[in-house]
Amino acid sequence: MPSAPTFWNDFYTNNTWSHEHGTVGRHLVTEVTHLNPGTALDLGCGEGSDAIWLAQQGWHVLAVDAAETALDRAREHAAALGLDQSIQFAQCDLAVDFPRGQYDLVSAQYLHSPVAQPGERERILHRATQAVAPNGHLLVVSHWTVSSWHPKMPNASQAAHLTLPSPQENRAALQLADGQWEILRDELADFEQIGPEGQREVRQDHVLHVRRLS
């Protein structure tokens, strides 16, 4: 099994994801638009669409990803929009290292990987809770169903290792201490998605939005 940087660099070499297939994550917009901008940590930022949108709303963003290929595209896009001073893009394998500090918003959008080791995603999400500042927010969005045109993995054996977590597994991974967190949203969200050839499918995502109280 390849390392995360190797796998995701290969993935982005063969797929132009953010700019070709969509814009900012719809759930991020819904959950964050009303928040006062501050500091944000974008985990698994890919080609930077979410980080760029956050910067456009006034956030100062640290955006990390395992794939330098994706980060190069993200930096180029941010610079073209004059946002390179508001976003720091950094290569980071979250299974090995995790950004230091605390943030007003931690965003983990579709943090799924077919090369993750058992328990790896859960450890990353639990670590994400520790990166949330007091009164800050954590937004975890996960696929529950995927579209038929979702990008194919580089090979079938890697695709077979990609399992989608249940809402219960997402909640359990955070290990939220009683009395220290407020659950703002925890539900499966239906929405219609339009594919690259105009095809329409209804998908579901699990949206988990919590706020640290102390």
N, C-alpha and C. Protein backbone atom coordinates (compact mmCIF):
# COMPACT_ATOMS: atom_id res chain seq x y z
N MET A 1 0.84 -1.19 0.00
CA MET A 1 0.00 0.00 0.00
C MET A 1 0.88 1.25 0.00
N PRO A 2 0.66 2.18 -0.94
CA PRO A 2 1.50 3.39 -0.99
C PRO A 2 1.21 4.32 0.18
N SER A 3 2.14 5.22 0.44
CA SER A 3 1.92 6.24 1.45
C SER A 3 0.86 7.22 0.96
N ALA A 4 0.30 7.99 1.90
CA ALA A 4 -0.70 8.98 1.52
C ALA A 4 -0.16 10.00 0.53
N PRO A 5 1.05 10.57 0.74
CA PRO A 5 1.55 11.53 -0.25
C PRO A 5 1.70 10.92 -1.65
N THR A 6 2.20 9.69 -1.73
CA THR A 6 2.35 9.04 -3.03
C THR A 6 1.01 8.80 -3.69
N PHE A 7 0.07 8.26 -2.92
CA PHE A 7 -1.25 7.96 -3.47
C PHE A 7 -1.94 9.22 -3.98
N TRP A 8 -1.99 10.27 -3.14
CA TRP A 8 -2.75 11.46 -3.51
C TRP A 8 -2.03 12.28 -4.57
N ASN A 9 -0.73 12.26 -4.62
CA ASN A 9 -0.05 12.90 -5.74
C ASN A 9 -0.41 12.23 -7.06
N ASP A 10 -0.46 10.90 -7.06
CA ASP A 10 -0.88 10.17 -8.26
C ASP A 10 -2.33 10.51 -8.61
N PHE A 11 -3.17 10.59 -7.59
CA PHE A 11 -4.59 10.89 -7.81
C PHE A 11 -4.75 12.24 -8.50
N TYR A 12 -4.10 13.27 -7.95
CA TYR A 12 -4.26 14.61 -8.52
C TYR A 12 -3.53 14.77 -9.85
N THR A 13 -2.52 13.97 -10.09
CA THR A 13 -1.88 13.99 -11.40
C THR A 13 -2.85 13.54 -12.47
N ASN A 14 -3.74 12.62 -12.12
CA ASN A 14 -4.69 12.05 -13.08
C ASN A 14 -6.08 12.68 -13.01
N ASN A 15 -6.32 13.55 -12.03
CA ASN A 15 -7.62 14.19 -11.87
C ASN A 15 -7.43 15.65 -11.50
N THR A 16 -8.09 16.55 -12.23
CA THR A 16 -8.18 17.93 -11.80
C THR A 16 -9.51 18.05 -11.09
N TRP A 17 -9.47 18.04 -9.76
CA TRP A 17 -10.70 17.79 -9.01
C TRP A 17 -11.50 19.04 -8.72
N SER A 18 -10.99 19.95 -7.91
CA SER A 18 -11.80 21.06 -7.42
C SER A 18 -12.31 21.96 -8.55
N HIS A 19 -11.43 22.35 -9.46
CA HIS A 19 -11.80 23.35 -10.44
C HIS A 19 -12.64 22.75 -11.56
N GLU A 20 -12.46 21.47 -11.84
CA GLU A 20 -13.19 20.87 -12.94
C GLU A 20 -14.55 20.35 -12.49
N HIS A 21 -14.65 19.84 -11.28
CA HIS A 21 -15.84 19.12 -10.87
C HIS A 21 -16.73 19.92 -9.92
N GLY A 22 -16.33 21.06 -9.45
CA GLY A 22 -17.20 21.78 -8.54
C GLY A 22 -16.52 22.97 -7.94
N THR A 23 -17.25 23.63 -7.06
CA THR A 23 -16.73 24.81 -6.39
C THR A 23 -16.61 24.51 -4.91
N VAL A 24 -16.79 25.51 -4.09
CA VAL A 24 -16.67 25.32 -2.66
C VAL A 24 -17.73 24.33 -2.16
N GLY A 25 -17.40 23.59 -1.10
CA GLY A 25 -18.33 22.64 -0.54
C GLY A 25 -19.61 23.30 -0.05
N ARG A 26 -20.73 22.76 -0.48
CA ARG A 26 -22.03 23.38 -0.15
C ARG A 26 -22.28 23.41 1.35
N HIS A 27 -21.86 22.37 2.06
CA HIS A 27 -22.12 22.33 3.50
C HIS A 27 -21.24 23.32 4.25
N LEU A 28 -20.04 23.54 3.75
CA LEU A 28 -19.18 24.56 4.35
C LEU A 28 -19.84 25.92 4.27
N VAL A 29 -20.38 26.26 3.11
CA VAL A 29 -21.05 27.55 2.93
C VAL A 29 -22.23 27.67 3.88
N THR A 30 -23.05 26.62 3.95
CA THR A 30 -24.24 26.66 4.80
C THR A 30 -23.88 26.85 6.26
N GLU A 31 -22.86 26.15 6.72
CA GLU A 31 -22.55 26.14 8.15
C GLU A 31 -21.67 27.31 8.59
N VAL A 32 -20.92 27.90 7.69
CA VAL A 32 -19.89 28.87 8.09
C VAL A 32 -20.25 30.31 7.73
N THR A 33 -21.14 30.50 6.77
CA THR A 33 -21.43 31.86 6.30
C THR A 33 -21.78 32.82 7.43
N HIS A 34 -22.50 32.35 8.44
CA HIS A 34 -22.96 33.24 9.51
C HIS A 34 -21.92 33.43 10.62
N LEU A 35 -20.79 32.74 10.55
CA LEU A 35 -19.79 32.85 11.60
C LEU A 35 -18.91 34.08 11.39
N ASN A 36 -18.42 34.63 12.50
CA ASN A 36 -17.46 35.73 12.41
C ASN A 36 -16.11 35.17 11.96
N PRO A 37 -15.49 35.75 10.95
CA PRO A 37 -14.20 35.23 10.47
C PRO A 37 -13.12 35.32 11.54
N GLY A 38 -12.24 34.34 11.51
CA GLY A 38 -11.09 34.31 12.40
C GLY A 38 -10.02 33.47 11.75
N THR A 39 -9.45 32.55 12.50
CA THR A 39 -8.45 31.64 11.95
C THR A 39 -9.10 30.30 11.62
N ALA A 40 -8.67 29.70 10.53
CA ALA A 40 -9.26 28.43 10.09
C ALA A 40 -8.16 27.45 9.70
N LEU A 41 -8.43 26.18 9.97
CA LEU A 41 -7.56 25.08 9.56
C LEU A 41 -8.37 24.19 8.64
N ASP A 42 -7.90 24.03 7.41
CA ASP A 42 -8.57 23.22 6.40
C ASP A 42 -7.76 21.93 6.22
N LEU A 43 -8.32 20.82 6.68
CA LEU A 43 -7.64 19.53 6.64
C LEU A 43 -7.97 18.81 5.33
N GLY A 44 -6.94 18.40 4.61
CA GLY A 44 -7.17 17.75 3.33
C GLY A 44 -7.74 18.72 2.32
N CYS A 45 -7.06 19.83 2.11
CA CYS A 45 -7.61 20.95 1.34
C CYS A 45 -7.66 20.70 -0.16
N GLY A 46 -6.96 19.68 -0.65
CA GLY A 46 -6.96 19.42 -2.09
C GLY A 46 -6.45 20.62 -2.87
N GLU A 47 -7.18 21.01 -3.89
CA GLU A 47 -6.76 22.10 -4.76
C GLU A 47 -7.20 23.47 -4.25
N GLY A 48 -7.73 23.52 -3.03
CA GLY A 48 -7.88 24.78 -2.34
C GLY A 48 -9.17 25.54 -2.50
N SER A 49 -10.20 24.95 -3.09
CA SER A 49 -11.44 25.69 -3.30
C SER A 49 -12.06 26.17 -1.99
N ASP A 50 -12.11 25.30 -0.99
CA ASP A 50 -12.69 25.70 0.30
C ASP A 50 -11.84 26.76 0.98
N ALA A 51 -10.53 26.58 0.97
CA ALA A 51 -9.64 27.55 1.62
C ALA A 51 -9.76 28.91 0.95
N ILE A 52 -9.87 28.93 -0.35
CA ILE A 52 -10.01 30.19 -1.08
C ILE A 52 -11.33 30.86 -0.73
N TRP A 53 -12.40 30.10 -0.66
CA TRP A 53 -13.69 30.68 -0.27
C TRP A 53 -13.62 31.26 1.14
N LEU A 54 -13.01 30.53 2.06
CA LEU A 54 -12.88 31.03 3.43
C LEU A 54 -12.10 32.35 3.44
N ALA A 55 -11.01 32.41 2.70
CA ALA A 55 -10.23 33.65 2.65
C ALA A 55 -11.05 34.79 2.07
N GLN A 56 -11.88 34.50 1.10
CA GLN A 56 -12.73 35.53 0.52
C GLN A 56 -13.76 36.05 1.52
N GLN A 57 -14.08 35.24 2.54
CA GLN A 57 -15.02 35.67 3.58
C GLN A 57 -14.30 36.38 4.73
N GLY A 58 -12.97 36.48 4.66
CA GLY A 58 -12.22 37.19 5.68
C GLY A 58 -11.45 36.31 6.65
N TRP A 59 -11.46 34.99 6.44
CA TRP A 59 -10.72 34.09 7.32
C TRP A 59 -9.23 34.08 6.94
N HIS A 60 -8.40 33.83 7.94
CA HIS A 60 -6.98 33.56 7.72
C HIS A 60 -6.79 32.05 7.85
N VAL A 61 -6.33 31.42 6.79
CA VAL A 61 -6.45 29.98 6.65
C VAL A 61 -5.08 29.31 6.57
N LEU A 62 -4.93 28.22 7.34
CA LEU A 62 -3.86 27.26 7.12
C LEU A 62 -4.50 26.05 6.45
N ALA A 63 -4.11 25.76 5.23
CA ALA A 63 -4.70 24.68 4.45
C ALA A 63 -3.65 23.62 4.18
N VAL A 64 -3.92 22.39 4.59
CA VAL A 64 -2.92 21.33 4.48
C VAL A 64 -3.45 20.17 3.65
N ASP A 65 -2.53 19.50 2.98
CA ASP A 65 -2.88 18.33 2.19
C ASP A 65 -1.63 17.47 2.05
N ALA A 66 -1.84 16.18 1.79
CA ALA A 66 -0.71 15.27 1.59
C ALA A 66 -0.08 15.43 0.22
N ALA A 67 -0.83 15.97 -0.74
CA ALA A 67 -0.39 15.98 -2.13
C ALA A 67 0.18 17.33 -2.53
N GLU A 68 1.47 17.37 -2.80
CA GLU A 68 2.09 18.61 -3.25
C GLU A 68 1.55 19.03 -4.62
N THR A 69 1.16 18.06 -5.43
CA THR A 69 0.57 18.38 -6.73
C THR A 69 -0.67 19.23 -6.57
N ALA A 70 -1.55 18.85 -5.65
CA ALA A 70 -2.77 19.62 -5.40
C ALA A 70 -2.44 20.98 -4.81
N LEU A 71 -1.47 21.03 -3.92
CA LEU A 71 -1.10 22.29 -3.27
C LEU A 71 -0.52 23.28 -4.27
N ASP A 72 0.24 22.81 -5.24
CA ASP A 72 0.77 23.70 -6.27
C ASP A 72 -0.37 24.37 -7.03
N ARG A 73 -1.40 23.62 -7.36
CA ARG A 73 -2.56 24.20 -8.05
C ARG A 73 -3.29 25.18 -7.14
N ALA A 74 -3.40 24.83 -5.87
CA ALA A 74 -4.08 25.70 -4.92
C ALA A 74 -3.35 27.04 -4.78
N ARG A 75 -2.04 26.98 -4.65
CA ARG A 75 -1.25 28.21 -4.52
C ARG A 75 -1.41 29.10 -5.76
N GLU A 76 -1.37 28.48 -6.91
CA GLU A 76 -1.51 29.24 -8.16
C GLU A 76 -2.87 29.92 -8.23
N HIS A 77 -3.91 29.18 -7.87
CA HIS A 77 -5.27 29.74 -7.91
C HIS A 77 -5.42 30.87 -6.91
N ALA A 78 -4.91 30.68 -5.69
CA ALA A 78 -5.01 31.72 -4.66
C ALA A 78 -4.25 32.98 -5.07
N ALA A 79 -3.07 32.80 -5.63
CA ALA A 79 -2.27 33.95 -6.05
C ALA A 79 -2.97 34.72 -7.16
N ALA A 80 -3.62 34.01 -8.07
CA ALA A 80 -4.32 34.67 -9.17
C ALA A 80 -5.47 35.53 -8.67
N LEU A 81 -6.02 35.16 -7.50
CA LEU A 81 -7.13 35.91 -6.91
C LEU A 81 -6.66 36.93 -5.89
N GLY A 82 -5.35 37.03 -5.70
CA GLY A 82 -4.82 37.98 -4.74
C GLY A 82 -5.03 37.58 -3.29
N LEU A 83 -5.14 36.28 -3.04
CA LEU A 83 -5.44 35.78 -1.70
C LEU A 83 -4.26 35.07 -1.05
N ASP A 84 -3.10 35.11 -1.68
CA ASP A 84 -1.97 34.34 -1.18
C ASP A 84 -1.48 34.83 0.17
N GLN A 85 -1.84 36.06 0.58
CA GLN A 85 -1.44 36.54 1.90
C GLN A 85 -2.40 36.08 2.99
N SER A 86 -3.58 35.60 2.59
CA SER A 86 -4.59 35.16 3.56
C SER A 86 -4.58 33.66 3.78
N ILE A 87 -3.87 32.93 2.92
CA ILE A 87 -3.86 31.46 3.00
C ILE A 87 -2.42 30.97 3.00
N GLN A 88 -2.12 30.11 3.95
CA GLN A 88 -0.85 29.39 3.94
C GLN A 88 -1.13 27.95 3.57
N PHE A 89 -0.58 27.49 2.47
CA PHE A 89 -0.73 26.10 2.05
C PHE A 89 0.51 25.33 2.49
N ALA A 90 0.30 24.15 3.07
CA ALA A 90 1.43 23.37 3.58
C ALA A 90 1.20 21.88 3.33
N GLN A 91 2.27 21.20 2.92
CA GLN A 91 2.19 19.75 2.74
C GLN A 91 2.24 19.08 4.11
N CYS A 92 1.31 18.17 4.34
CA CYS A 92 1.22 17.51 5.65
C CYS A 92 0.53 16.17 5.50
N ASP A 93 1.18 15.12 5.94
CA ASP A 93 0.57 13.80 6.04
C ASP A 93 -0.02 13.70 7.45
N LEU A 94 -1.33 13.84 7.56
CA LEU A 94 -1.97 13.95 8.86
C LEU A 94 -1.82 12.69 9.70
N ALA A 95 -1.51 11.57 9.07
CA ALA A 95 -1.28 10.35 9.83
C ALA A 95 0.05 10.39 10.56
N VAL A 96 0.95 11.25 10.11
CA VAL A 96 2.29 11.34 10.68
C VAL A 96 2.46 12.59 11.53
N ASP A 97 1.87 13.67 11.08
CA ASP A 97 2.03 14.96 11.75
C ASP A 97 0.70 15.68 11.72
N PHE A 98 0.56 16.68 12.59
CA PHE A 98 -0.68 17.46 12.64
C PHE A 98 -0.29 18.91 12.92
N PRO A 99 -0.93 19.86 12.25
CA PRO A 99 -0.58 21.27 12.48
C PRO A 99 -0.74 21.67 13.94
N ARG A 100 0.17 22.50 14.41
CA ARG A 100 0.11 22.97 15.79
C ARG A 100 -0.85 24.14 15.91
N GLY A 101 -1.23 24.43 17.15
CA GLY A 101 -2.05 25.60 17.41
C GLY A 101 -3.53 25.27 17.50
N GLN A 102 -4.31 26.31 17.81
CA GLN A 102 -5.76 26.20 17.87
C GLN A 102 -6.37 27.23 16.93
N TYR A 103 -7.56 26.90 16.43
CA TYR A 103 -8.18 27.68 15.38
C TYR A 103 -9.65 27.91 15.71
N ASP A 104 -10.18 29.02 15.19
CA ASP A 104 -11.59 29.32 15.39
C ASP A 104 -12.49 28.38 14.59
N LEU A 105 -11.95 27.83 13.52
CA LEU A 105 -12.68 26.87 12.70
C LEU A 105 -11.72 25.80 12.24
N VAL A 106 -12.11 24.55 12.43
CA VAL A 106 -11.38 23.42 11.84
C VAL A 106 -12.36 22.72 10.90
N SER A 107 -11.96 22.58 9.65
CA SER A 107 -12.82 22.00 8.63
C SER A 107 -12.20 20.72 8.09
N ALA A 108 -12.96 19.64 8.14
CA ALA A 108 -12.53 18.35 7.58
C ALA A 108 -13.61 17.90 6.60
N GLN A 109 -13.41 18.21 5.34
CA GLN A 109 -14.40 17.92 4.30
C GLN A 109 -13.99 16.67 3.54
N TYR A 110 -14.81 15.62 3.66
CA TYR A 110 -14.60 14.39 2.89
C TYR A 110 -13.20 13.82 3.12
N LEU A 111 -12.86 13.65 4.37
CA LEU A 111 -11.53 13.15 4.73
C LEU A 111 -11.55 11.62 4.68
N HIS A 112 -11.57 11.10 3.46
CA HIS A 112 -11.60 9.66 3.22
C HIS A 112 -10.34 9.28 2.44
N SER A 113 -9.76 8.15 2.78
CA SER A 113 -8.57 7.70 2.05
C SER A 113 -8.53 6.18 2.00
N PRO A 114 -8.37 5.60 0.80
CA PRO A 114 -8.27 4.15 0.69
C PRO A 114 -6.93 3.60 1.17
N VAL A 115 -5.97 4.48 1.45
CA VAL A 115 -4.67 4.00 1.93
C VAL A 115 -4.49 4.27 3.43
N ALA A 116 -5.55 4.68 4.10
CA ALA A 116 -5.47 4.91 5.54
C ALA A 116 -5.36 3.58 6.28
N GLN A 117 -4.56 3.56 7.31
CA GLN A 117 -4.44 2.39 8.17
C GLN A 117 -5.64 2.31 9.11
N PRO A 118 -5.95 1.13 9.65
CA PRO A 118 -7.08 1.01 10.58
C PRO A 118 -6.96 2.00 11.74
N GLY A 119 -8.03 2.72 11.99
CA GLY A 119 -8.05 3.68 13.08
C GLY A 119 -7.41 5.02 12.78
N GLU A 120 -6.81 5.15 11.60
CA GLU A 120 -6.07 6.39 11.28
C GLU A 120 -7.00 7.59 11.17
N ARG A 121 -8.11 7.44 10.45
CA ARG A 121 -9.04 8.56 10.30
C ARG A 121 -9.61 8.98 11.64
N GLU A 122 -9.93 8.00 12.48
CA GLU A 122 -10.47 8.31 13.80
C GLU A 122 -9.48 9.11 14.63
N ARG A 123 -8.21 8.74 14.57
CA ARG A 123 -7.19 9.47 15.32
C ARG A 123 -7.05 10.91 14.80
N ILE A 124 -7.12 11.07 13.50
CA ILE A 124 -7.01 12.41 12.92
C ILE A 124 -8.19 13.28 13.36
N LEU A 125 -9.39 12.73 13.31
CA LEU A 125 -10.56 13.52 13.69
C LEU A 125 -10.53 13.86 15.18
N HIS A 126 -10.09 12.93 16.01
CA HIS A 126 -9.98 13.25 17.43
C HIS A 126 -8.94 14.33 17.65
N ARG A 127 -7.84 14.25 16.92
CA ARG A 127 -6.82 15.30 17.03
C ARG A 127 -7.38 16.64 16.57
N ALA A 128 -8.27 16.61 15.60
CA ALA A 128 -8.88 17.85 15.11
C ALA A 128 -9.67 18.56 16.21
N THR A 129 -10.30 17.79 17.10
CA THR A 129 -11.05 18.44 18.19
C THR A 129 -10.11 19.23 19.09
N GLN A 130 -8.88 18.75 19.25
CA GLN A 130 -7.92 19.44 20.11
C GLN A 130 -7.39 20.72 19.48
N ALA A 131 -7.59 20.86 18.17
CA ALA A 131 -7.14 22.06 17.46
C ALA A 131 -8.19 23.16 17.43
N VAL A 132 -9.34 22.91 18.04
CA VAL A 132 -10.41 23.91 18.06
C VAL A 132 -10.24 24.81 19.28
N ALA A 133 -10.21 26.10 19.05
CA ALA A 133 -10.08 27.07 20.14
C ALA A 133 -11.39 27.16 20.92
N PRO A 134 -11.35 27.64 22.18
CA PRO A 134 -12.59 27.85 22.93
C PRO A 134 -13.57 28.71 22.12
N ASN A 135 -14.82 28.28 22.11
CA ASN A 135 -15.89 28.91 21.32
C ASN A 135 -15.70 28.73 19.81
N GLY A 136 -14.73 27.90 19.43
CA GLY A 136 -14.50 27.63 18.02
C GLY A 136 -15.36 26.49 17.51
N HIS A 137 -15.29 26.27 16.20
CA HIS A 137 -16.17 25.32 15.53
C HIS A 137 -15.36 24.23 14.83
N LEU A 138 -15.92 23.03 14.81
CA LEU A 138 -15.38 21.91 14.04
C LEU A 138 -16.48 21.44 13.10
N LEU A 139 -16.17 21.38 11.82
CA LEU A 139 -17.12 20.91 10.82
C LEU A 139 -16.53 19.70 10.11
N VAL A 140 -17.20 18.56 10.26
CA VAL A 140 -16.79 17.32 9.61
C VAL A 140 -17.89 16.92 8.64
N VAL A 141 -17.56 16.85 7.37
CA VAL A 141 -18.52 16.44 6.34
C VAL A 141 -17.98 15.17 5.69
N SER A 142 -18.84 14.15 5.61
CA SER A 142 -18.41 12.85 5.11
C SER A 142 -19.39 12.34 4.07
N HIS A 143 -18.87 11.66 3.07
CA HIS A 143 -19.74 10.98 2.12
C HIS A 143 -20.52 9.88 2.84
N TRP A 144 -21.80 9.78 2.55
CA TRP A 144 -22.57 8.60 2.94
C TRP A 144 -22.92 7.80 1.70
N THR A 145 -23.23 8.50 0.62
CA THR A 145 -23.34 7.88 -0.70
C THR A 145 -22.52 8.73 -1.67
N VAL A 146 -22.06 8.13 -2.76
CA VAL A 146 -21.26 8.86 -3.74
C VAL A 146 -21.92 8.73 -5.11
N SER A 147 -21.64 9.68 -5.98
CA SER A 147 -22.20 9.68 -7.32
C SER A 147 -21.51 8.63 -8.19
N SER A 148 -22.19 8.24 -9.26
CA SER A 148 -21.64 7.23 -10.16
C SER A 148 -20.43 7.76 -10.93
N TRP A 149 -20.30 9.10 -11.02
CA TRP A 149 -19.16 9.67 -11.77
C TRP A 149 -18.02 10.08 -10.85
N HIS A 150 -18.11 9.70 -9.57
CA HIS A 150 -17.04 10.04 -8.64
C HIS A 150 -15.71 9.54 -9.20
N PRO A 151 -14.62 10.31 -9.08
CA PRO A 151 -13.34 9.90 -9.68
C PRO A 151 -12.92 8.51 -9.26
N LYS A 152 -12.47 7.74 -10.21
CA LYS A 152 -12.03 6.38 -9.93
C LYS A 152 -10.65 6.40 -9.30
N MET A 153 -10.42 5.46 -8.39
CA MET A 153 -9.11 5.32 -7.77
C MET A 153 -8.12 4.77 -8.80
N PRO A 154 -6.83 5.01 -8.58
CA PRO A 154 -5.84 4.55 -9.56
C PRO A 154 -5.91 3.06 -9.88
N ASN A 155 -6.33 2.24 -8.93
CA ASN A 155 -6.52 0.84 -9.27
C ASN A 155 -7.60 0.24 -8.39
N ALA A 156 -8.12 -0.90 -8.81
CA ALA A 156 -9.27 -1.50 -8.15
C ALA A 156 -8.98 -1.92 -6.72
N SER A 157 -7.76 -2.39 -6.46
CA SER A 157 -7.45 -2.85 -5.11
C SER A 157 -7.49 -1.70 -4.12
N GLN A 158 -7.07 -0.50 -4.54
CA GLN A 158 -7.13 0.65 -3.65
C GLN A 158 -8.57 1.09 -3.44
N ALA A 159 -9.39 1.06 -4.50
CA ALA A 159 -10.79 1.43 -4.36
C ALA A 159 -11.50 0.50 -3.38
N ALA A 160 -11.12 -0.77 -3.37
CA ALA A 160 -11.77 -1.73 -2.48
C ALA A 160 -11.51 -1.42 -1.01
N HIS A 161 -10.43 -0.69 -0.72
CA HIS A 161 -10.10 -0.37 0.66
C HIS A 161 -10.81 0.89 1.16
N LEU A 162 -11.55 1.58 0.28
CA LEU A 162 -12.24 2.80 0.69
C LEU A 162 -13.61 2.45 1.23
N THR A 163 -13.78 2.56 2.53
CA THR A 163 -15.07 2.33 3.16
C THR A 163 -15.56 3.64 3.75
N LEU A 164 -16.84 3.90 3.60
CA LEU A 164 -17.41 5.16 4.08
C LEU A 164 -17.90 4.98 5.51
N PRO A 165 -17.50 5.88 6.41
CA PRO A 165 -17.90 5.76 7.81
C PRO A 165 -19.37 6.10 7.99
N SER A 166 -19.98 5.47 8.97
CA SER A 166 -21.37 5.79 9.31
C SER A 166 -21.42 7.06 10.15
N PRO A 167 -22.58 7.70 10.25
CA PRO A 167 -22.70 8.85 11.16
C PRO A 167 -22.29 8.50 12.59
N GLN A 168 -22.64 7.31 13.04
CA GLN A 168 -22.26 6.89 14.39
C GLN A 168 -20.74 6.82 14.54
N GLU A 169 -20.06 6.31 13.51
CA GLU A 169 -18.60 6.23 13.56
C GLU A 169 -17.96 7.62 13.55
N ASN A 170 -18.54 8.53 12.78
CA ASN A 170 -18.02 9.90 12.78
C ASN A 170 -18.13 10.54 14.16
N ARG A 171 -19.29 10.38 14.79
CA ARG A 171 -19.49 10.95 16.13
C ARG A 171 -18.52 10.33 17.13
N ALA A 172 -18.39 9.01 17.07
CA ALA A 172 -17.53 8.32 18.03
C ALA A 172 -16.07 8.73 17.87
N ALA A 173 -15.65 9.01 16.65
CA ALA A 173 -14.25 9.37 16.41
C ALA A 173 -13.87 10.66 17.12
N LEU A 174 -14.80 11.58 17.27
CA LEU A 174 -14.49 12.86 17.90
C LEU A 174 -14.24 12.74 19.39
N GLN A 175 -14.87 11.76 20.04
CA GLN A 175 -14.71 11.56 21.49
C GLN A 175 -15.01 12.86 22.25
N LEU A 176 -16.17 13.43 21.99
CA LEU A 176 -16.53 14.70 22.59
C LEU A 176 -16.84 14.53 24.08
N ALA A 177 -16.19 15.31 24.90
CA ALA A 177 -16.41 15.25 26.35
C ALA A 177 -17.72 15.94 26.69
N ASP A 178 -18.50 15.32 27.58
CA ASP A 178 -19.78 15.89 28.00
C ASP A 178 -19.58 17.27 28.61
N GLY A 179 -20.45 18.18 28.23
CA GLY A 179 -20.43 19.51 28.81
C GLY A 179 -19.42 20.45 28.21
N GLN A 180 -18.60 19.96 27.27
CA GLN A 180 -17.57 20.81 26.67
C GLN A 180 -17.86 21.17 25.22
N TRP A 181 -18.91 20.56 24.66
CA TRP A 181 -19.22 20.78 23.25
C TRP A 181 -20.73 20.95 23.07
N GLU A 182 -21.09 21.77 22.09
CA GLU A 182 -22.47 21.92 21.66
C GLU A 182 -22.59 21.36 20.25
N ILE A 183 -23.53 20.44 20.05
CA ILE A 183 -23.76 19.88 18.72
C ILE A 183 -24.74 20.78 17.99
N LEU A 184 -24.28 21.42 16.94
CA LEU A 184 -25.10 22.36 16.18
C LEU A 184 -25.83 21.68 15.03
N ARG A 185 -25.23 20.67 14.47
CA ARG A 185 -25.88 19.91 13.40
C ARG A 185 -25.27 18.53 13.34
N ASP A 186 -26.13 17.53 13.22
CA ASP A 186 -25.69 16.14 13.14
C ASP A 186 -26.75 15.38 12.37
N GLU A 187 -26.61 15.34 11.05
CA GLU A 187 -27.66 14.73 10.24
C GLU A 187 -27.15 14.35 8.86
N LEU A 188 -27.92 13.46 8.23
CA LEU A 188 -27.69 13.14 6.83
C LEU A 188 -28.40 14.18 5.98
N ALA A 189 -27.68 14.76 5.04
CA ALA A 189 -28.22 15.82 4.20
C ALA A 189 -28.36 15.32 2.77
N ASP A 190 -29.58 15.39 2.24
CA ASP A 190 -29.85 15.04 0.85
C ASP A 190 -29.60 16.25 -0.05
N PHE A 191 -29.07 16.00 -1.22
CA PHE A 191 -28.97 17.07 -2.21
C PHE A 191 -28.81 16.45 -3.59
N GLU A 192 -29.24 17.20 -4.59
CA GLU A 192 -29.10 16.74 -5.97
C GLU A 192 -27.78 17.22 -6.53
N GLN A 193 -27.07 16.32 -7.17
CA GLN A 193 -25.79 16.65 -7.77
C GLN A 193 -25.87 16.46 -9.28
N ILE A 194 -25.30 17.41 -10.01
CA ILE A 194 -25.29 17.35 -11.46
C ILE A 194 -23.90 16.94 -11.93
N GLY A 195 -23.84 15.90 -12.74
CA GLY A 195 -22.57 15.36 -13.19
C GLY A 195 -21.98 16.10 -14.36
N PRO A 196 -20.79 15.71 -14.79
CA PRO A 196 -20.09 16.41 -15.87
C PRO A 196 -20.80 16.34 -17.21
N GLU A 197 -21.71 15.37 -17.39
CA GLU A 197 -22.47 15.26 -18.63
C GLU A 197 -23.93 15.63 -18.44
N GLY A 198 -24.23 16.34 -17.33
CA GLY A 198 -25.58 16.81 -17.08
C GLY A 198 -26.47 15.81 -16.37
N GLN A 199 -25.94 14.66 -16.01
CA GLN A 199 -26.75 13.66 -15.31
C GLN A 199 -27.03 14.12 -13.88
N ARG A 200 -28.16 13.70 -13.34
CA ARG A 200 -28.58 14.13 -12.00
C ARG A 200 -28.73 12.92 -11.09
N GLU A 201 -28.21 13.05 -9.89
CA GLU A 201 -28.36 12.01 -8.88
C GLU A 201 -28.55 12.66 -7.52
N VAL A 202 -29.32 11.98 -6.67
CA VAL A 202 -29.48 12.44 -5.29
C VAL A 202 -28.46 11.73 -4.42
N ARG A 203 -27.71 12.52 -3.66
CA ARG A 203 -26.67 11.98 -2.79
C ARG A 203 -26.96 12.35 -1.35
N GLN A 204 -26.25 11.70 -0.45
CA GLN A 204 -26.33 12.02 0.98
C GLN A 204 -24.93 12.21 1.54
N ASP A 205 -24.79 13.25 2.34
CA ASP A 205 -23.59 13.47 3.13
C ASP A 205 -23.97 13.50 4.60
N HIS A 206 -23.04 13.13 5.45
CA HIS A 206 -23.23 13.32 6.88
C HIS A 206 -22.55 14.62 7.27
N VAL A 207 -23.32 15.51 7.87
CA VAL A 207 -22.82 16.82 8.30
C VAL A 207 -22.80 16.84 9.82
N LEU A 208 -21.62 17.03 10.38
CA LEU A 208 -21.43 17.07 11.83
C LEU A 208 -20.72 18.38 12.18
N HIS A 209 -21.46 19.27 12.83
CA HIS A 209 -20.95 20.61 13.16
C HIS A 209 -21.07 20.79 14.67
N VAL A 210 -19.94 20.99 15.33
CA VAL A 210 -19.93 21.14 16.79
C VAL A 210 -19.16 22.40 17.17
N ARG A 211 -19.49 22.92 18.34
CA ARG A 211 -18.80 24.11 18.86
C ARG A 211 -18.23 23.80 20.23
N ARG A 212 -16.97 24.17 20.43
CA ARG A 212 -16.33 23.98 21.73
C ARG A 212 -16.83 25.05 22.70
N LEU A 213 -17.26 24.62 23.86
CA LEU A 213 -17.75 25.55 24.87
C LEU A 213 -16.65 26.04 25.79
N SER A 214 -15.64 25.21 25.99
CA SER A 214 -14.57 25.60 26.92
C SER A 214 -13.27 24.91 26.52
